[in-house]
Amino acid sequence: MEANDRFESTASDGEKSLLRKATPVEEEVSPDYMQKVFSMPLLEREVERGYADQLKEARQDFAALVITLPQELRPMILTEGAAGPRTGAKWPLQELEACYGRMLKHLPGHEDPRAAGALREAKRLKRRIESAREPLILSHLRFVVHVVKSVNGYGVPRTDLIQEGTIGLIAAVERFEPERGNRFFTFAYYWIRKAVSAALSDKPSVIRIPVHVRRRFRAVTRAARELSGTLGRKPTPQEISRKTKISVEQIAELMNIARDARSIEAPNDDDTGGILRYVPDTSSADPLEQALDHELKQRIRAALDLLTPQEELIIRLRFGLDGKERHTLKQIGGILALSRERVRQIERNILEKLQVTKELQGVFHCLTERD
């Protein structure tokens, strides 16, 4: 009999239900990951309990080893004191990992001859811990995927939820007590679900909403769905309030708080574009100003066509047309080999010529104002 068949023969109704609910691989989850996860065999109850007992004993032995280290070695290994190791099997694995890392750092080459023996024993116990913990984690990764598939992601990527659920599974491995008589899956399901729920509460909102507020919001939305099915219409806030025992004012506040953020670039329901098209772009030029500038350039070009080449050059230099730097009368005189006064006379004659032309009076006004 295969391991999966043996598991189904001894699994509870809830466990069998999850196995039957396996859905096709979702596009956003790596097919390679899914293949590896579902290729891991499920553990029988006795094997599962054996790994749990091995993990517990190895943790106790590792804690005892650390406690019995020579007094001169302890300050390097137990920076947080001996309270953690004294808890034995309840010593958090994260602290055990940190302690093991300090042993690898400080014990090699230590002058105390007992350091080498302690390090060898620590490595052996660490291998025992990993050999017991790893099968428990790998064989139950499929249940993380099942839990993630059974929840609404609310915009959170499934890969992120699988990662959070795996962290919950690791926490379950650390806290599992086989002597209580529960299957590991039954125990781990709570921690997986808790980790996924925490991720759903933290990640989808731009502004983080407390877990208890989001829980009440879900209760309100669930009651609204049930009432809609029963009444055949959208329920009123008063009807939702009577069902959930939450006041109408609190329901309205929950709806405002839990409202999802919307991108200003997201299209509307009628595909006419998002809110962004109603927001003025302060970095671009005003269309009216662009039209007026274009009209002014045409008028200036028409005015320059009435001038001689020398007069046109004086006007261009004097008023900085075409993006050029504005020149003084003295600078223009130096370029044309004319006196400053002669340039002034030519400029005055040009402006008078432009002023008497009705179509170009606006150009004359603009040029004199810029001066």
Protein backbone atom coordinates (compact mmCIF):
# COMPACT_ATOMS: atom_id res chain seq x y z
CA MET A 1 0.00 0.00 0.00
CA GLU A 2 1.37 3.42 -0.95
CA ALA A 3 2.00 6.09 1.69
CA ASN A 4 -0.80 8.29 0.32
CA ASP A 5 -3.26 5.38 0.42
CA ARG A 6 -2.24 4.53 3.97
CA PHE A 7 -2.71 8.16 4.96
CA GLU A 8 -6.21 8.29 3.47
CA SER A 9 -7.14 5.12 5.28
CA THR A 10 -6.33 6.68 8.65
CA ALA A 11 -7.05 10.36 7.90
CA SER A 12 -9.94 12.26 9.41
CA ASP A 13 -12.85 13.50 7.29
CA GLY A 14 -11.35 17.02 7.21
CA GLU A 15 -8.00 15.72 5.99
CA LYS A 16 -9.62 13.58 3.27
CA SER A 17 -11.71 16.56 2.22
CA LEU A 18 -8.61 18.66 1.67
CA LEU A 19 -7.02 15.90 -0.39
CA ARG A 20 -10.12 15.66 -2.59
CA LYS A 21 -10.19 19.44 -3.07
CA ALA A 22 -6.86 19.51 -4.93
CA THR A 23 -7.30 21.96 -7.80
CA PRO A 24 -5.23 22.41 -10.97
CA VAL A 25 -1.95 24.27 -10.60
CA GLU A 26 -2.50 28.00 -10.71
CA GLU A 27 -0.62 30.02 -13.26
CA GLU A 28 1.13 32.25 -10.73
CA VAL A 29 2.64 29.33 -8.78
CA SER A 30 5.74 27.71 -10.25
CA PRO A 31 4.91 24.31 -11.78
CA ASP A 32 8.30 22.99 -10.63
CA TYR A 33 7.49 23.93 -7.04
CA MET A 34 4.07 22.33 -7.23
CA GLN A 35 5.52 19.16 -8.72
CA LYS A 36 8.09 18.87 -5.96
CA VAL A 37 5.52 19.59 -3.24
CA PHE A 38 3.05 16.98 -4.38
CA SER A 39 5.77 14.41 -5.02
CA MET A 40 6.62 14.36 -1.30
CA PRO A 41 5.01 11.30 0.33
CA LEU A 42 2.67 11.79 3.26
CA LEU A 43 3.75 10.32 6.58
CA GLU A 44 1.96 7.63 8.51
CA ARG A 45 0.91 8.44 12.04
CA GLU A 46 3.65 6.29 13.58
CA VAL A 47 6.38 7.76 11.36
CA GLU A 48 5.10 11.25 12.05
CA ARG A 49 5.18 10.66 15.80
CA GLY A 50 8.67 9.14 15.53
CA TYR A 51 10.04 12.25 13.85
CA ALA A 52 8.34 14.48 16.43
CA ASP A 53 9.81 12.46 19.31
CA GLN A 54 13.26 12.54 17.67
CA LEU A 55 13.06 16.32 17.30
CA LYS A 56 12.02 16.71 20.91
CA GLU A 57 14.83 14.47 22.24
CA ALA A 58 17.48 16.12 20.05
CA ARG A 59 16.44 19.57 21.27
CA GLN A 60 16.58 18.42 24.89
CA ASP A 61 20.03 16.87 24.36
CA PHE A 62 21.29 20.02 22.64
CA ALA A 63 20.03 22.17 25.52
CA ALA A 64 21.68 19.84 28.04
CA LEU A 65 24.96 20.03 26.09
CA VAL A 66 24.95 23.80 26.16
CA ILE A 67 24.16 23.91 29.88
CA THR A 68 27.06 21.60 30.70
CA LEU A 69 29.65 23.59 28.73
CA PRO A 70 32.71 24.66 30.78
CA GLN A 71 32.22 27.92 32.63
CA GLU A 72 34.84 29.74 30.55
CA LEU A 73 33.02 28.84 27.28
CA ARG A 74 29.54 29.86 28.31
CA PRO A 75 29.88 33.66 27.92
CA MET A 76 30.75 33.19 24.23
CA ILE A 77 27.88 30.78 23.55
CA LEU A 78 25.08 31.96 25.85
CA THR A 79 24.92 35.69 25.30
CA GLU A 80 21.30 35.69 26.53
CA GLY A 81 22.05 33.58 29.60
CA ALA A 82 21.12 30.00 30.45
CA ALA A 83 17.36 30.53 30.83
CA GLY A 84 16.66 29.51 27.22
CA PRO A 85 18.51 26.16 27.22
CA ARG A 86 16.99 25.21 30.57
CA THR A 87 13.57 25.02 28.88
CA GLY A 88 14.79 21.92 27.03
CA ALA A 89 12.45 20.86 24.22
CA LYS A 90 10.60 24.19 24.52
CA TRP A 91 13.77 26.15 23.78
CA PRO A 92 12.82 28.12 20.62
CA LEU A 93 14.51 26.68 17.56
CA GLN A 94 15.48 30.17 16.42
CA GLU A 95 17.50 30.70 19.59
CA LEU A 96 18.96 27.20 19.26
CA GLU A 97 20.08 28.05 15.71
CA ALA A 98 21.71 31.26 16.94
CA CYS A 99 23.47 29.39 19.73
CA TYR A 100 24.74 26.79 17.26
CA GLY A 101 26.08 29.58 15.04
CA ARG A 102 28.04 31.05 17.95
CA MET A 103 29.48 27.62 18.70
CA LEU A 104 30.69 27.30 15.11
CA LYS A 105 32.28 30.73 15.40
CA HIS A 106 34.03 30.48 18.77
CA LEU A 107 34.76 26.85 19.55
CA PRO A 108 36.99 25.78 16.60
CA GLY A 109 40.64 26.14 17.60
CA HIS A 110 39.82 27.03 21.21
CA GLU A 111 42.57 26.25 23.69
CA ASP A 112 40.22 24.32 25.98
CA PRO A 113 40.37 20.64 24.82
CA ARG A 114 36.73 20.16 25.77
CA ALA A 115 35.63 22.67 23.10
CA ALA A 116 36.37 20.28 20.22
CA GLY A 117 34.30 17.48 21.76
CA ALA A 118 31.40 19.84 22.51
CA LEU A 119 31.44 21.09 18.91
CA ARG A 120 31.38 17.54 17.51
CA GLU A 121 28.43 16.64 19.71
CA ALA A 122 26.62 19.88 18.77
CA LYS A 123 27.03 19.07 15.05
CA ARG A 124 25.66 15.56 15.59
CA LEU A 125 22.63 16.83 17.48
CA LYS A 126 22.05 19.54 14.88
CA ARG A 127 21.96 16.88 12.16
CA ARG A 128 19.43 14.91 14.21
CA ILE A 129 17.26 18.01 14.58
CA GLU A 130 17.33 18.72 10.85
CA SER A 131 16.71 15.07 9.90
CA ALA A 132 13.55 15.10 12.04
CA ARG A 133 12.28 18.58 11.22
CA GLU A 134 12.80 18.47 7.45
CA PRO A 135 10.50 15.48 6.70
CA LEU A 136 7.73 16.97 8.83
CA ILE A 137 7.92 20.22 6.87
CA LEU A 138 8.35 18.81 3.36
CA SER A 139 5.61 16.19 3.68
CA HIS A 140 3.05 18.81 4.70
CA LEU A 141 3.85 21.59 2.23
CA ARG A 142 0.94 20.39 0.09
CA PHE A 143 -1.44 21.39 2.89
CA VAL A 144 -0.03 24.92 2.76
CA VAL A 145 -0.98 25.01 -0.91
CA HIS A 146 -4.47 23.66 -0.12
CA VAL A 147 -5.04 26.33 2.53
CA VAL A 148 -3.87 29.10 0.20
CA LYS A 149 -6.14 27.86 -2.60
CA SER A 150 -9.13 27.86 -0.28
CA VAL A 151 -8.88 31.55 0.66
CA ASN A 152 -9.55 34.74 -1.26
CA GLY A 153 -6.20 36.42 -1.82
CA TYR A 154 -7.62 39.96 -1.91
CA GLY A 155 -4.88 40.93 -4.35
CA VAL A 156 -2.02 39.27 -2.45
CA PRO A 157 0.06 37.01 -4.77
CA ARG A 158 -0.45 33.31 -4.09
CA THR A 159 3.31 32.82 -3.92
CA ASP A 160 3.47 35.27 -1.02
CA LEU A 161 0.67 33.46 0.79
CA ILE A 162 2.40 30.11 0.27
CA GLN A 163 5.56 31.58 1.75
CA GLU A 164 3.67 32.91 4.79
CA GLY A 165 1.86 29.58 5.20
CA THR A 166 5.19 27.76 5.11
CA ILE A 167 6.42 29.97 7.93
CA GLY A 168 3.31 28.95 9.89
CA LEU A 169 4.08 25.29 9.13
CA ILE A 170 7.61 25.71 10.50
CA ALA A 171 6.18 27.27 13.65
CA ALA A 172 3.85 24.25 14.01
CA VAL A 173 6.78 21.84 13.75
CA GLU A 174 8.49 23.68 16.58
CA ARG A 175 5.44 23.60 18.86
CA PHE A 176 4.02 20.13 18.07
CA GLU A 177 3.58 17.82 21.10
CA PRO A 178 2.79 14.28 19.87
CA GLU A 179 1.98 13.03 23.38
CA ARG A 180 -1.29 14.97 23.25
CA GLY A 181 -2.60 12.45 20.70
CA ASN A 182 -3.26 14.81 17.77
CA ARG A 183 -2.19 14.27 14.20
CA PHE A 184 0.42 16.77 13.10
CA PHE A 185 -1.79 17.97 10.25
CA THR A 186 -4.60 18.80 12.66
CA PHE A 187 -2.19 20.83 14.76
CA ALA A 188 -0.37 22.45 11.83
CA TYR A 189 -3.58 23.54 10.08
CA TYR A 190 -4.20 26.16 12.78
CA TRP A 191 -0.73 27.67 12.43
CA ILE A 192 -0.82 27.64 8.63
CA ARG A 193 -4.21 29.31 8.59
CA LYS A 194 -3.13 31.82 11.21
CA ALA A 195 -0.04 32.81 9.20
CA VAL A 196 -2.03 33.16 5.97
CA SER A 197 -4.74 35.21 7.71
CA ALA A 198 -2.10 37.52 9.18
CA ALA A 199 -0.58 38.00 5.71
CA LEU A 200 -4.01 38.83 4.28
CA SER A 201 -4.53 41.40 7.03
CA ASP A 202 -1.15 43.07 6.59
CA LYS A 203 -0.33 43.06 2.90
CA PRO A 204 -3.30 43.99 0.70
CA SER A 205 -3.95 47.42 2.22
CA VAL A 206 -1.90 50.51 1.46
CA ILE A 207 -2.71 51.60 5.02
CA ARG A 208 -2.47 48.71 7.45
CA ILE A 209 -5.75 47.82 9.12
CA PRO A 210 -5.68 46.06 12.52
CA VAL A 211 -6.50 42.38 12.45
CA HIS A 212 -9.57 42.71 14.71
CA VAL A 213 -11.01 45.46 12.49
CA ARG A 214 -10.54 43.38 9.33
CA ARG A 215 -12.10 40.39 11.13
CA ARG A 216 -15.20 42.44 11.93
CA PHE A 217 -15.31 43.70 8.36
CA ARG A 218 -15.28 40.12 7.06
CA ALA A 219 -18.12 39.27 9.46
CA VAL A 220 -20.15 42.16 8.06
CA THR A 221 -19.52 41.20 4.43
CA ARG A 222 -20.33 37.55 5.17
CA ALA A 223 -23.62 38.56 6.81
CA ALA A 224 -24.42 40.80 3.84
CA ARG A 225 -23.92 37.88 1.43
CA GLU A 226 -26.10 35.56 3.48
CA LEU A 227 -28.88 38.16 3.74
CA SER A 228 -28.69 38.84 0.01
CA GLY A 229 -29.26 35.15 -0.68
CA THR A 230 -32.12 34.95 1.78
CA LEU A 231 -33.89 38.21 0.92
CA GLY A 232 -33.17 38.23 -2.80
CA ARG A 233 -31.98 41.82 -2.61
CA LYS A 234 -29.23 43.96 -1.14
CA PRO A 235 -29.71 44.12 2.66
CA THR A 236 -29.99 47.42 4.46
CA PRO A 237 -27.45 48.46 7.12
CA GLN A 238 -30.15 47.96 9.78
CA GLU A 239 -30.67 44.32 8.71
CA ILE A 240 -26.93 43.67 8.74
CA SER A 241 -26.72 45.29 12.17
CA ARG A 242 -29.39 43.01 13.60
CA LYS A 243 -27.63 39.91 12.27
CA THR A 244 -24.09 40.84 13.34
CA LYS A 245 -24.96 42.72 16.57
CA ILE A 246 -22.84 45.61 15.29
CA SER A 247 -24.27 49.11 15.31
CA VAL A 248 -25.17 50.85 12.04
CA GLU A 249 -22.62 53.58 12.76
CA GLN A 250 -19.86 51.02 13.25
CA ILE A 251 -20.83 49.23 10.02
CA ALA A 252 -20.58 52.48 8.07
CA GLU A 253 -17.21 53.18 9.66
CA LEU A 254 -15.97 49.67 8.80
CA MET A 255 -16.98 50.12 5.17
CA ASN A 256 -15.01 53.36 4.94
CA ILE A 257 -11.95 51.98 6.71
CA ALA A 258 -11.71 48.76 4.73
CA ARG A 259 -12.20 50.41 1.35
CA ASP A 260 -9.38 49.34 -0.94
CA ALA A 261 -7.04 51.90 -2.47
CA ARG A 262 -7.54 52.48 -6.19
CA SER A 263 -4.86 53.47 -8.65
CA ILE A 264 -5.56 56.75 -10.43
CA GLU A 265 -4.47 54.99 -13.62
CA ALA A 266 -6.95 52.10 -13.23
CA PRO A 267 -9.69 52.24 -15.93
CA ASN A 268 -13.29 52.93 -15.00
CA ASP A 269 -16.06 50.40 -15.48
CA ASP A 270 -16.92 51.95 -18.84
CA ASP A 271 -13.28 51.68 -20.04
CA THR A 272 -13.06 55.45 -20.48
CA GLY A 273 -9.81 55.77 -18.58
CA GLY A 274 -9.05 56.30 -14.92
CA ILE A 275 -9.19 59.24 -12.57
CA LEU A 276 -5.82 60.39 -13.88
CA ARG A 277 -7.39 61.89 -16.99
CA TYR A 278 -9.29 64.38 -14.80
CA VAL A 279 -6.16 65.48 -12.93
CA PRO A 280 -4.28 68.42 -14.52
CA ASP A 281 -0.67 67.79 -15.46
CA THR A 282 1.22 70.64 -13.85
CA SER A 283 4.46 69.64 -15.58
CA SER A 284 3.10 70.25 -19.10
CA ALA A 285 2.38 73.60 -20.74
CA ASP A 286 -1.09 75.11 -20.70
CA PRO A 287 -2.79 74.49 -24.08
CA LEU A 288 -4.04 78.10 -24.16
CA GLU A 289 -0.52 79.43 -23.56
CA GLN A 290 0.81 77.13 -26.26
CA ALA A 291 -1.76 78.48 -28.73
CA LEU A 292 -0.95 82.08 -27.83
CA ASP A 293 2.80 81.45 -28.17
CA HIS A 294 2.25 79.88 -31.58
CA GLU A 295 0.17 82.88 -32.69
CA LEU A 296 2.80 85.30 -31.39
CA LYS A 297 5.59 83.49 -33.24
CA GLN A 298 3.62 83.73 -36.48
CA ARG A 299 3.10 87.46 -35.98
CA ILE A 300 6.76 88.04 -35.15
CA ARG A 301 7.77 86.07 -38.26
CA ALA A 302 5.43 88.25 -40.36
CA ALA A 303 6.89 91.39 -38.77
CA LEU A 304 10.47 90.35 -39.48
CA ASP A 305 9.58 89.80 -43.14
CA LEU A 306 8.90 93.57 -43.43
CA LEU A 307 12.40 94.52 -42.22
CA THR A 308 15.73 94.76 -43.95
CA PRO A 309 18.41 92.19 -43.04
CA GLN A 310 20.17 94.71 -40.80
CA GLU A 311 16.95 95.71 -39.04
CA GLU A 312 15.98 92.07 -38.57
CA LEU A 313 19.36 91.29 -37.01
CA ILE A 314 19.07 94.25 -34.64
CA ILE A 315 15.59 93.16 -33.52
CA ARG A 316 16.67 89.55 -33.05
CA LEU A 317 19.70 90.56 -30.97
CA ARG A 318 17.93 93.30 -29.05
CA PHE A 319 14.94 91.19 -27.93
CA GLY A 320 16.63 87.76 -27.80
CA LEU A 321 14.42 86.11 -30.40
CA ASP A 322 14.85 82.40 -31.28
CA GLY A 323 16.06 81.69 -27.76
CA LYS A 324 19.17 83.82 -28.11
CA GLU A 325 20.58 86.03 -25.36
CA ARG A 326 19.37 89.62 -25.29
CA HIS A 327 22.04 92.14 -26.25
CA THR A 328 22.54 95.73 -25.13
CA LEU A 329 22.76 98.63 -27.57
CA LYS A 330 26.51 98.79 -27.03
CA GLN A 331 26.93 95.05 -27.78
CA ILE A 332 24.87 95.33 -30.97
CA GLY A 333 26.89 98.38 -32.03
CA GLY A 334 30.10 96.40 -31.56
CA ILE A 335 28.76 93.57 -33.77
CA LEU A 336 27.58 95.94 -36.57
CA ALA A 337 30.38 98.51 -36.20
CA LEU A 338 27.85 101.21 -35.31
CA SER A 339 27.65 103.64 -32.46
CA ARG A 340 25.34 102.99 -29.56
CA GLU A 341 23.21 106.02 -30.50
CA ARG A 342 22.88 104.91 -34.11
CA VAL A 343 21.60 101.51 -32.99
CA ARG A 344 19.06 103.28 -30.76
CA GLN A 345 17.83 105.35 -33.72
CA ILE A 346 17.45 102.27 -35.93
CA GLU A 347 15.56 100.44 -33.18
CA ARG A 348 13.18 103.39 -32.72
CA ASN A 349 12.51 103.55 -36.47
CA ILE A 350 11.81 99.80 -36.55
CA LEU A 351 9.31 99.98 -33.70
CA GLU A 352 7.56 102.96 -35.29
CA LYS A 353 7.31 101.01 -38.55
CA LEU A 354 5.73 98.08 -36.72
CA GLN A 355 3.40 100.33 -34.72
CA VAL A 356 1.75 101.91 -37.77
CA THR A 357 0.93 98.44 -39.17
CA LYS A 358 -2.44 97.55 -37.69
CA GLU A 359 -1.96 93.78 -38.02
CA LEU A 360 1.37 93.96 -36.14
CA GLN A 361 0.41 96.31 -33.31
CA GLY A 362 0.20 93.31 -30.93
CA VAL A 363 3.79 92.39 -31.81
CA PHE A 364 4.94 95.93 -31.08
CA HIS A 365 3.21 95.80 -27.70
CA CYS A 366 4.81 92.44 -26.81
CA LEU A 367 8.29 93.53 -27.87
CA THR A 368 8.18 96.82 -25.93
CA GLU A 369 6.83 95.03 -22.84
CA ARG A 370 9.66 92.48 -22.97
CA ASP A 371 12.13 95.32 -23.15
